[in-house]
Amino acid sequence: SSLFVNPKYAWQDLLSPGELQRLSFLRLLLRLSSFHGTIHPRVELVFLDEISSSLDVKMETKMYEYLLGENLTLISIGHRSS
């Protein structure tokens, strides 16, 4: 799908760090949902590098709770103890 093709825009010049992180998370969610009912293998391992550093703790908690509910293996790199 064209959603996963590299954009023609330099998003890092247009969006704030928090917006970029939300966009990355949304792309992950869409990627996870695109495998339901298809012949493609399900995503089971997700690498998260500073995915929530510009998010508040409440939003970070919601994000991780959702991913854990999807029964994924997560490798997360961050500076927060949470």
PDB file of N, CA and C in Angstrom:
ATOM      1  N   SER A   1       0.832  -1.178   0.000  1.00  0.00           N
ATOM      2  CA  SER A   1       0.000   0.000   0.000  1.00  0.00           C
ATOM      3  C   SER A   1       0.876   1.240   0.000  1.00  0.00           C
ATOM      4  N   SER A   2       0.380   2.318  -0.535  1.00  0.00           N
ATOM      5  CA  SER A   2       1.161   3.549  -0.655  1.00  0.00           C
ATOM      6  C   SER A   2       1.417   4.210   0.692  1.00  0.00           C
ATOM      7  N   LEU A   3       0.710   3.798   1.730  1.00  0.00           N
ATOM      8  CA  LEU A   3       0.919   4.364   3.063  1.00  0.00           C
ATOM      9  C   LEU A   3       2.325   4.097   3.577  1.00  0.00           C
ATOM     10  N   PHE A   4       2.927   2.995   3.144  1.00  0.00           N
ATOM     11  CA  PHE A   4       4.220   2.596   3.668  1.00  0.00           C
ATOM     12  C   PHE A   4       5.370   2.958   2.735  1.00  0.00           C
ATOM     13  N   VAL A   5       5.090   3.739   1.707  1.00  0.00           N
ATOM     14  CA  VAL A   5       6.119   4.227   0.801  1.00  0.00           C
ATOM     15  C   VAL A   5       6.685   5.507   1.399  1.00  0.00           C
ATOM     16  N   ASN A   6       7.989   5.713   1.225  1.00  0.00           N
ATOM     17  CA  ASN A   6       8.600   6.930   1.760  1.00  0.00           C
ATOM     18  C   ASN A   6       7.929   8.170   1.172  1.00  0.00           C
ATOM     19  N   PRO A   7       7.561   9.113   2.015  1.00  0.00           N
ATOM     20  CA  PRO A   7       6.886  10.319   1.533  1.00  0.00           C
ATOM     21  C   PRO A   7       7.833  11.222   0.755  1.00  0.00           C
ATOM     22  N   LYS A   8       7.259  12.091  -0.060  1.00  0.00           N
ATOM     23  CA  LYS A   8       8.048  13.046  -0.837  1.00  0.00           C
ATOM     24  C   LYS A   8       8.409  14.266  -0.011  1.00  0.00           C
ATOM     25  N   TYR A   9       7.870  14.356   1.193  1.00  0.00           N
ATOM     26  CA  TYR A   9       8.091  15.512   2.057  1.00  0.00           C
ATOM     27  C   TYR A   9       9.076  15.167   3.155  1.00  0.00           C
ATOM     28  N   ALA A  10       9.802  16.166   3.624  1.00  0.00           N
ATOM     29  CA  ALA A  10      10.673  15.990   4.782  1.00  0.00           C
ATOM     30  C   ALA A  10       9.827  16.262   6.019  1.00  0.00           C
ATOM     31  N   TRP A  11       9.131  15.217   6.510  1.00  0.00           N
ATOM     32  CA  TRP A  11       8.193  15.382   7.613  1.00  0.00           C
ATOM     33  C   TRP A  11       8.848  15.992   8.839  1.00  0.00           C
ATOM     34  N   GLN A  12      10.136  15.688   9.064  1.00  0.00           N
ATOM     35  CA  GLN A  12      10.815  16.240  10.236  1.00  0.00           C
ATOM     36  C   GLN A  12      10.925  17.764  10.164  1.00  0.00           C
ATOM     37  N   ASP A  13      10.770  18.340   8.978  1.00  0.00           N
ATOM     38  CA  ASP A  13      10.787  19.796   8.832  1.00  0.00           C
ATOM     39  C   ASP A  13       9.399  20.403   8.988  1.00  0.00           C
ATOM     40  N   LEU A  14       8.362  19.583   8.904  1.00  0.00           N
ATOM     41  CA  LEU A  14       6.987  20.067   8.948  1.00  0.00           C
ATOM     42  C   LEU A  14       6.276  19.790  10.267  1.00  0.00           C
ATOM     43  N   LEU A  15       6.683  18.719  10.946  1.00  0.00           N
ATOM     44  CA  LEU A  15       5.981  18.294  12.155  1.00  0.00           C
ATOM     45  C   LEU A  15       6.877  18.423  13.382  1.00  0.00           C
ATOM     46  N   SER A  16       6.266  18.611  14.530  1.00  0.00           N
ATOM     47  CA  SER A  16       7.005  18.666  15.790  1.00  0.00           C
ATOM     48  C   SER A  16       7.456  17.252  16.167  1.00  0.00           C
ATOM     49  N   PRO A  17       8.418  17.122  17.088  1.00  0.00           N
ATOM     50  CA  PRO A  17       8.832  15.778  17.520  1.00  0.00           C
ATOM     51  C   PRO A  17       7.669  14.936  18.051  1.00  0.00           C
ATOM     52  N   GLY A  18       6.780  15.528  18.807  1.00  0.00           N
ATOM     53  CA  GLY A  18       5.614  14.803  19.307  1.00  0.00           C
ATOM     54  C   GLY A  18       4.702  14.340  18.191  1.00  0.00           C
ATOM     55  N   GLU A  19       4.505  15.203  17.193  1.00  0.00           N
ATOM     56  CA  GLU A  19       3.671  14.824  16.048  1.00  0.00           C
ATOM     57  C   GLU A  19       4.319  13.694  15.250  1.00  0.00           C
ATOM     58  N   LEU A  20       5.641  13.746  15.096  1.00  0.00           N
ATOM     59  CA  LEU A  20       6.344  12.675  14.394  1.00  0.00           C
ATOM     60  C   LEU A  20       6.211  11.351  15.131  1.00  0.00           C
ATOM     61  N   GLN A  21       6.287  11.394  16.451  1.00  0.00           N
ATOM     62  CA  GLN A  21       6.140  10.167  17.232  1.00  0.00           C
ATOM     63  C   GLN A  21       4.733   9.610  17.117  1.00  0.00           C
ATOM     64  N   ARG A  22       3.742  10.476  17.148  1.00  0.00           N
ATOM     65  CA  ARG A  22       2.353  10.010  16.991  1.00  0.00           C
ATOM     66  C   ARG A  22       2.143   9.421  15.604  1.00  0.00           C
ATOM     67  N   LEU A  23       2.729  10.055  14.599  1.00  0.00           N
ATOM     68  CA  LEU A  23       2.617   9.550  13.232  1.00  0.00           C
ATOM     69  C   LEU A  23       3.278   8.181  13.113  1.00  0.00           C
ATOM     70  N   SER A  24       4.436   8.011  13.720  1.00  0.00           N
ATOM     71  CA  SER A  24       5.122   6.713  13.698  1.00  0.00           C
ATOM     72  C   SER A  24       4.287   5.645  14.380  1.00  0.00           C
ATOM     73  N   PHE A  25       3.687   5.990  15.512  1.00  0.00           N
ATOM     74  CA  PHE A  25       2.840   5.032  16.222  1.00  0.00           C
ATOM     75  C   PHE A  25       1.611   4.682  15.385  1.00  0.00           C
ATOM     76  N   LEU A  26       1.010   5.669  14.748  1.00  0.00           N
ATOM     77  CA  LEU A  26      -0.143   5.416  13.885  1.00  0.00           C
ATOM     78  C   LEU A  26       0.238   4.490  12.731  1.00  0.00           C
ATOM     79  N   ARG A  27       1.395   4.703  12.140  1.00  0.00           N
ATOM     80  CA  ARG A  27       1.849   3.822  11.064  1.00  0.00           C
ATOM     81  C   ARG A  27       2.032   2.392  11.570  1.00  0.00           C
ATOM     82  N   LEU A  28       2.540   2.244  12.788  1.00  0.00           N
ATOM     83  CA  LEU A  28       2.663   0.911  13.380  1.00  0.00           C
ATOM     84  C   LEU A  28       1.288   0.273  13.550  1.00  0.00           C
ATOM     85  N   LEU A  29       0.332   1.034  14.079  1.00  0.00           N
ATOM     86  CA  LEU A  29      -1.024   0.499  14.265  1.00  0.00           C
ATOM     87  C   LEU A  29      -1.637   0.070  12.940  1.00  0.00           C
ATOM     88  N   LEU A  30      -1.457   0.884  11.920  1.00  0.00           N
ATOM     89  CA  LEU A  30      -1.993   0.541  10.604  1.00  0.00           C
ATOM     90  C   LEU A  30      -1.302  -0.697  10.036  1.00  0.00           C
ATOM     91  N   ARG A  31      -0.020  -0.794  10.269  1.00  0.00           N
ATOM     92  CA  ARG A  31       0.733  -1.962   9.809  1.00  0.00           C
ATOM     93  C   ARG A  31       0.233  -3.228  10.512  1.00  0.00           C
ATOM     94  N   LEU A  32       0.004  -3.134  11.809  1.00  0.00           N
ATOM     95  CA  LEU A  32      -0.506  -4.280  12.555  1.00  0.00           C
ATOM     96  C   LEU A  32      -1.889  -4.683  12.055  1.00  0.00           C
ATOM     97  N   SER A  33      -2.742  -3.709  11.797  1.00  0.00           N
ATOM     98  CA  SER A  33      -4.108  -4.017  11.368  1.00  0.00           C
ATOM     99  C   SER A  33      -4.160  -4.503   9.924  1.00  0.00           C
ATOM    100  N   SER A  34      -3.156  -4.188   9.119  1.00  0.00           N
ATOM    101  CA  SER A  34      -3.179  -4.588   7.708  1.00  0.00           C
ATOM    102  C   SER A  34      -2.945  -6.078   7.527  1.00  0.00           C
ATOM    103  N   PHE A  35      -2.468  -6.760   8.571  1.00  0.00           N
ATOM    104  CA  PHE A  35      -2.206  -8.185   8.457  1.00  0.00           C
ATOM    105  C   PHE A  35      -3.396  -9.042   8.831  1.00  0.00           C
ATOM    106  N   HIS A  36      -4.424  -8.463   9.436  1.00  0.00           N
ATOM    107  CA  HIS A  36      -5.597  -9.243   9.825  1.00  0.00           C
ATOM    108  C   HIS A  36      -6.344  -9.694   8.574  1.00  0.00           C
ATOM    109  N   GLY A  37      -6.514 -10.992   8.439  1.00  0.00           N
ATOM    110  CA  GLY A  37      -7.272 -11.531   7.314  1.00  0.00           C
ATOM    111  C   GLY A  37      -6.503 -11.582   6.009  1.00  0.00           C
ATOM    112  N   THR A  38      -5.184 -11.457   6.038  1.00  0.00           N
ATOM    113  CA  THR A  38      -4.393 -11.531   4.809  1.00  0.00           C
ATOM    114  C   THR A  38      -3.441 -12.713   4.896  1.00  0.00           C
ATOM    115  N   ILE A  39      -2.715 -12.943   3.819  1.00  0.00           N
ATOM    116  CA  ILE A  39      -1.739 -14.028   3.786  1.00  0.00           C
ATOM    117  C   ILE A  39      -0.384 -13.590   4.321  1.00  0.00           C
ATOM    118  N   HIS A  40      -0.227 -12.312   4.627  1.00  0.00           N
ATOM    119  CA  HIS A  40       1.036 -11.804   5.139  1.00  0.00           C
ATOM    120  C   HIS A  40       1.261 -12.279   6.575  1.00  0.00           C
ATOM    121  N   PRO A  41       2.510 -12.523   6.937  1.00  0.00           N
ATOM    122  CA  PRO A  41       2.777 -12.934   8.320  1.00  0.00           C
ATOM    123  C   PRO A  41       2.486 -11.807   9.304  1.00  0.00           C
ATOM    124  N   ARG A  42       2.050 -12.171  10.472  1.00  0.00           N
ATOM    125  CA  ARG A  42       1.728 -11.196  11.507  1.00  0.00           C
ATOM    126  C   ARG A  42       3.015 -10.638  12.107  1.00  0.00           C
ATOM    127  N   VAL A  43       3.003  -9.345  12.398  1.00  0.00           N
ATOM    128  CA  VAL A  43       4.131  -8.723  13.075  1.00  0.00           C
ATOM    129  C   VAL A  43       4.137  -9.212  14.517  1.00  0.00           C
ATOM    130  N   GLU A  44       5.267  -9.703  14.984  1.00  0.00           N
ATOM    131  CA  GLU A  44       5.359 -10.215  16.352  1.00  0.00           C
ATOM    132  C   GLU A  44       6.415  -9.498  17.172  1.00  0.00           C
ATOM    133  N   LEU A  45       7.369  -8.839  16.511  1.00  0.00           N
ATOM    134  CA  LEU A  45       8.467  -8.170  17.186  1.00  0.00           C
ATOM    135  C   LEU A  45       8.503  -6.720  16.739  1.00  0.00           C
ATOM    136  N   VAL A  46       8.503  -5.792  17.714  1.00  0.00           N
ATOM    137  CA  VAL A  46       8.490  -4.362  17.404  1.00  0.00           C
ATOM    138  C   VAL A  46       9.636  -3.685  18.157  1.00  0.00           C
ATOM    139  N   PHE A  47      10.457  -2.942  17.426  1.00  0.00           N
ATOM    140  CA  PHE A  47      11.522  -2.136  18.017  1.00  0.00           C
ATOM    141  C   PHE A  47      11.029  -0.707  18.154  1.00  0.00           C
ATOM    142  N   LEU A  48      11.119  -0.147  19.342  1.00  0.00           N
ATOM    143  CA  LEU A  48      10.657   1.211  19.626  1.00  0.00           C
ATOM    144  C   LEU A  48      11.846   2.024  20.139  1.00  0.00           C
ATOM    145  N   ASP A  49      12.312   2.968  19.344  1.00  0.00           N
ATOM    146  CA  ASP A  49      13.463   3.783  19.715  1.00  0.00           C
ATOM    147  C   ASP A  49      12.998   5.200  20.011  1.00  0.00           C
ATOM    148  N   GLU A  50      12.944   5.541  21.293  1.00  0.00           N
ATOM    149  CA  GLU A  50      12.517   6.880  21.727  1.00  0.00           C
ATOM    150  C   GLU A  50      11.131   7.238  21.181  1.00  0.00           C
ATOM    151  N   ILE A  51      10.250   6.266  21.124  1.00  0.00           N
ATOM    152  CA  ILE A  51       8.928   6.474  20.536  1.00  0.00           C
ATOM    153  C   ILE A  51       8.037   7.378  21.378  1.00  0.00           C
ATOM    154  N   SER A  52       8.349   7.529  22.655  1.00  0.00           N
ATOM    155  CA  SER A  52       7.437   8.287  23.513  1.00  0.00           C
ATOM    156  C   SER A  52       8.102   9.444  24.250  1.00  0.00           C
ATOM    157  N   SER A  53       9.307   9.829  23.857  1.00  0.00           N
ATOM    158  CA  SER A  53      10.030  10.872  24.604  1.00  0.00           C
ATOM    159  C   SER A  53       9.335  12.236  24.560  1.00  0.00           C
ATOM    160  N   SER A  54       8.572  12.507  23.518  1.00  0.00           N
ATOM    161  CA  SER A  54       7.863  13.792  23.435  1.00  0.00           C
ATOM    162  C   SER A  54       6.395  13.681  23.829  1.00  0.00           C
ATOM    163  N   LEU A  55       6.010  12.517  24.341  1.00  0.00           N
ATOM    164  CA  LEU A  55       4.632  12.311  24.779  1.00  0.00           C
ATOM    165  C   LEU A  55       4.555  12.437  26.291  1.00  0.00           C
ATOM    166  N   ASP A  56       3.386  12.791  26.796  1.00  0.00           N
ATOM    167  CA  ASP A  56       3.235  12.794  28.249  1.00  0.00           C
ATOM    168  C   ASP A  56       3.109  11.356  28.747  1.00  0.00           C
ATOM    169  N   VAL A  57       3.296  11.155  30.028  1.00  0.00           N
ATOM    170  CA  VAL A  57       3.309   9.815  30.615  1.00  0.00           C
ATOM    171  C   VAL A  57       1.973   9.102  30.408  1.00  0.00           C
ATOM    172  N   LYS A  58       0.868   9.837  30.481  1.00  0.00           N
ATOM    173  CA  LYS A  58      -0.457   9.230  30.297  1.00  0.00           C
ATOM    174  C   LYS A  58      -0.594   8.639  28.887  1.00  0.00           C
ATOM    175  N   MET A  59      -0.162   9.398  27.874  1.00  0.00           N
ATOM    176  CA  MET A  59      -0.245   8.919  26.495  1.00  0.00           C
ATOM    177  C   MET A  59       0.732   7.759  26.275  1.00  0.00           C
ATOM    178  N   GLU A  60       1.901   7.855  26.881  1.00  0.00           N
ATOM    179  CA  GLU A  60       2.877   6.775  26.778  1.00  0.00           C
ATOM    180  C   GLU A  60       2.303   5.479  27.358  1.00  0.00           C
ATOM    181  N   THR A  61       1.657   5.577  28.510  1.00  0.00           N
ATOM    182  CA  THR A  61       1.055   4.408  29.157  1.00  0.00           C
ATOM    183  C   THR A  61       0.000   3.782  28.259  1.00  0.00           C
ATOM    184  N   LYS A  62      -0.855   4.595  27.670  1.00  0.00           N
ATOM    185  CA  LYS A  62      -1.893   4.085  26.772  1.00  0.00           C
ATOM    186  C   LYS A  62      -1.277   3.368  25.575  1.00  0.00           C
ATOM    187  N   MET A  63      -0.222   3.952  25.027  1.00  0.00           N
ATOM    188  CA  MET A  63       0.432   3.380  23.864  1.00  0.00           C
ATOM    189  C   MET A  63       0.998   1.993  24.178  1.00  0.00           C
ATOM    190  N   TYR A  64       1.735   1.896  25.293  1.00  0.00           N
ATOM    191  CA  TYR A  64       2.327   0.608  25.660  1.00  0.00           C
ATOM    192  C   TYR A  64       1.263  -0.407  26.061  1.00  0.00           C
ATOM    193  N   GLU A  65       0.223   0.016  26.751  1.00  0.00           N
ATOM    194  CA  GLU A  65      -0.855  -0.914  27.117  1.00  0.00           C
ATOM    195  C   GLU A  65      -1.500  -1.508  25.868  1.00  0.00           C
ATOM    196  N   TYR A  66      -1.713  -0.677  24.871  1.00  0.00           N
ATOM    197  CA  TYR A  66      -2.299  -1.186  23.631  1.00  0.00           C
ATOM    198  C   TYR A  66      -1.382  -2.224  22.982  1.00  0.00           C
ATOM    199  N   LEU A  67      -0.095  -1.893  22.865  1.00  0.00           N
ATOM    200  CA  LEU A  67       0.837  -2.813  22.223  1.00  0.00           C
ATOM    201  C   LEU A  67       0.965  -4.118  22.994  1.00  0.00           C
ATOM    202  N   LEU A  68       0.986  -4.046  24.314  1.00  0.00           N
ATOM    203  CA  LEU A  68       1.068  -5.260  25.111  1.00  0.00           C
ATOM    204  C   LEU A  68      -0.194  -6.105  24.951  1.00  0.00           C
ATOM    205  N   GLY A  69      -1.325  -5.446  24.769  1.00  0.00           N
ATOM    206  CA  GLY A  69      -2.581  -6.152  24.532  1.00  0.00           C
ATOM    207  C   GLY A  69      -2.622  -6.866  23.189  1.00  0.00           C
ATOM    208  N   GLU A  70      -1.743  -6.469  22.283  1.00  0.00           N
ATOM    209  CA  GLU A  70      -1.665  -7.102  20.963  1.00  0.00           C
ATOM    210  C   GLU A  70      -0.771  -8.336  20.973  1.00  0.00           C
ATOM    211  N   ASN A  71      -0.253  -8.680  22.152  1.00  0.00           N
ATOM    212  CA  ASN A  71       0.598  -9.864  22.306  1.00  0.00           C
ATOM    213  C   ASN A  71       1.844  -9.790  21.420  1.00  0.00           C
ATOM    214  N   LEU A  72       2.525  -8.649  21.473  1.00  0.00           N
ATOM    215  CA  LEU A  72       3.748  -8.428  20.713  1.00  0.00           C
ATOM    216  C   LEU A  72       4.956  -8.519  21.631  1.00  0.00           C
ATOM    217  N   THR A  73       6.089  -8.825  21.057  1.00  0.00           N
ATOM    218  CA  THR A  73       7.348  -8.715  21.772  1.00  0.00           C
ATOM    219  C   THR A  73       7.886  -7.322  21.477  1.00  0.00           C
ATOM    220  N   LEU A  74       8.134  -6.545  22.531  1.00  0.00           N
ATOM    221  CA  LEU A  74       8.594  -5.163  22.368  1.00  0.00           C
ATOM    222  C   LEU A  74      10.027  -5.032  22.850  1.00  0.00           C
ATOM    223  N   ILE A  75      10.821  -4.332  22.074  1.00  0.00           N
ATOM    224  CA  ILE A  75      12.141  -3.889  22.503  1.00  0.00           C
ATOM    225  C   ILE A  75      12.081  -2.374  22.442  1.00  0.00           C
ATOM    226  N   SER A  76      12.114  -1.746  23.617  1.00  0.00           N
ATOM    227  CA  SER A  76      11.901  -0.308  23.703  1.00  0.00           C
ATOM    228  C   SER A  76      13.138   0.370  24.302  1.00  0.00           C
ATOM    229  N   ILE A  77      13.582   1.418  23.648  1.00  0.00           N
ATOM    230  CA  ILE A  77      14.714   2.219  24.117  1.00  0.00           C
ATOM    231  C   ILE A  77      14.179   3.578  24.495  1.00  0.00           C
ATOM    232  N   GLY A  78      14.507   4.045  25.700  1.00  0.00           N
ATOM    233  CA  GLY A  78      14.023   5.346  26.137  1.00  0.00           C
ATOM    234  C   GLY A  78      14.786   5.813  27.365  1.00  0.00           C
ATOM    235  N   HIS A  79      14.511   7.036  27.765  1.00  0.00           N
ATOM    236  CA  HIS A  79      15.188   7.619  28.919  1.00  0.00           C
ATOM    237  C   HIS A  79      14.328   7.618  30.172  1.00  0.00           C
ATOM    238  N   ARG A  80      13.053   7.390  30.038  1.00  0.00           N
ATOM    239  CA  ARG A  80      12.155   7.366  31.188  1.00  0.00           C
ATOM    240  C   ARG A  80      12.185   6.022  31.886  1.00  0.00           C
ATOM    241  N   SER A  81      11.965   6.027  33.162  1.00  0.00           N
ATOM    242  CA  SER A  81      11.897   4.762  33.882  1.00  0.00           C
ATOM    243  C   SER A  81      10.615   3.991  33.553  1.00  0.00           C
ATOM    244  N   SER A  82       9.596   4.719  33.075  1.00  0.00           N
ATOM    245  CA  SER A  82       8.330   4.066  32.735  1.00  0.00           C
ATOM    246  C   SER A  82       8.501   3.230  31.472  1.00  0.00           C
TER     247      SER A  82
END
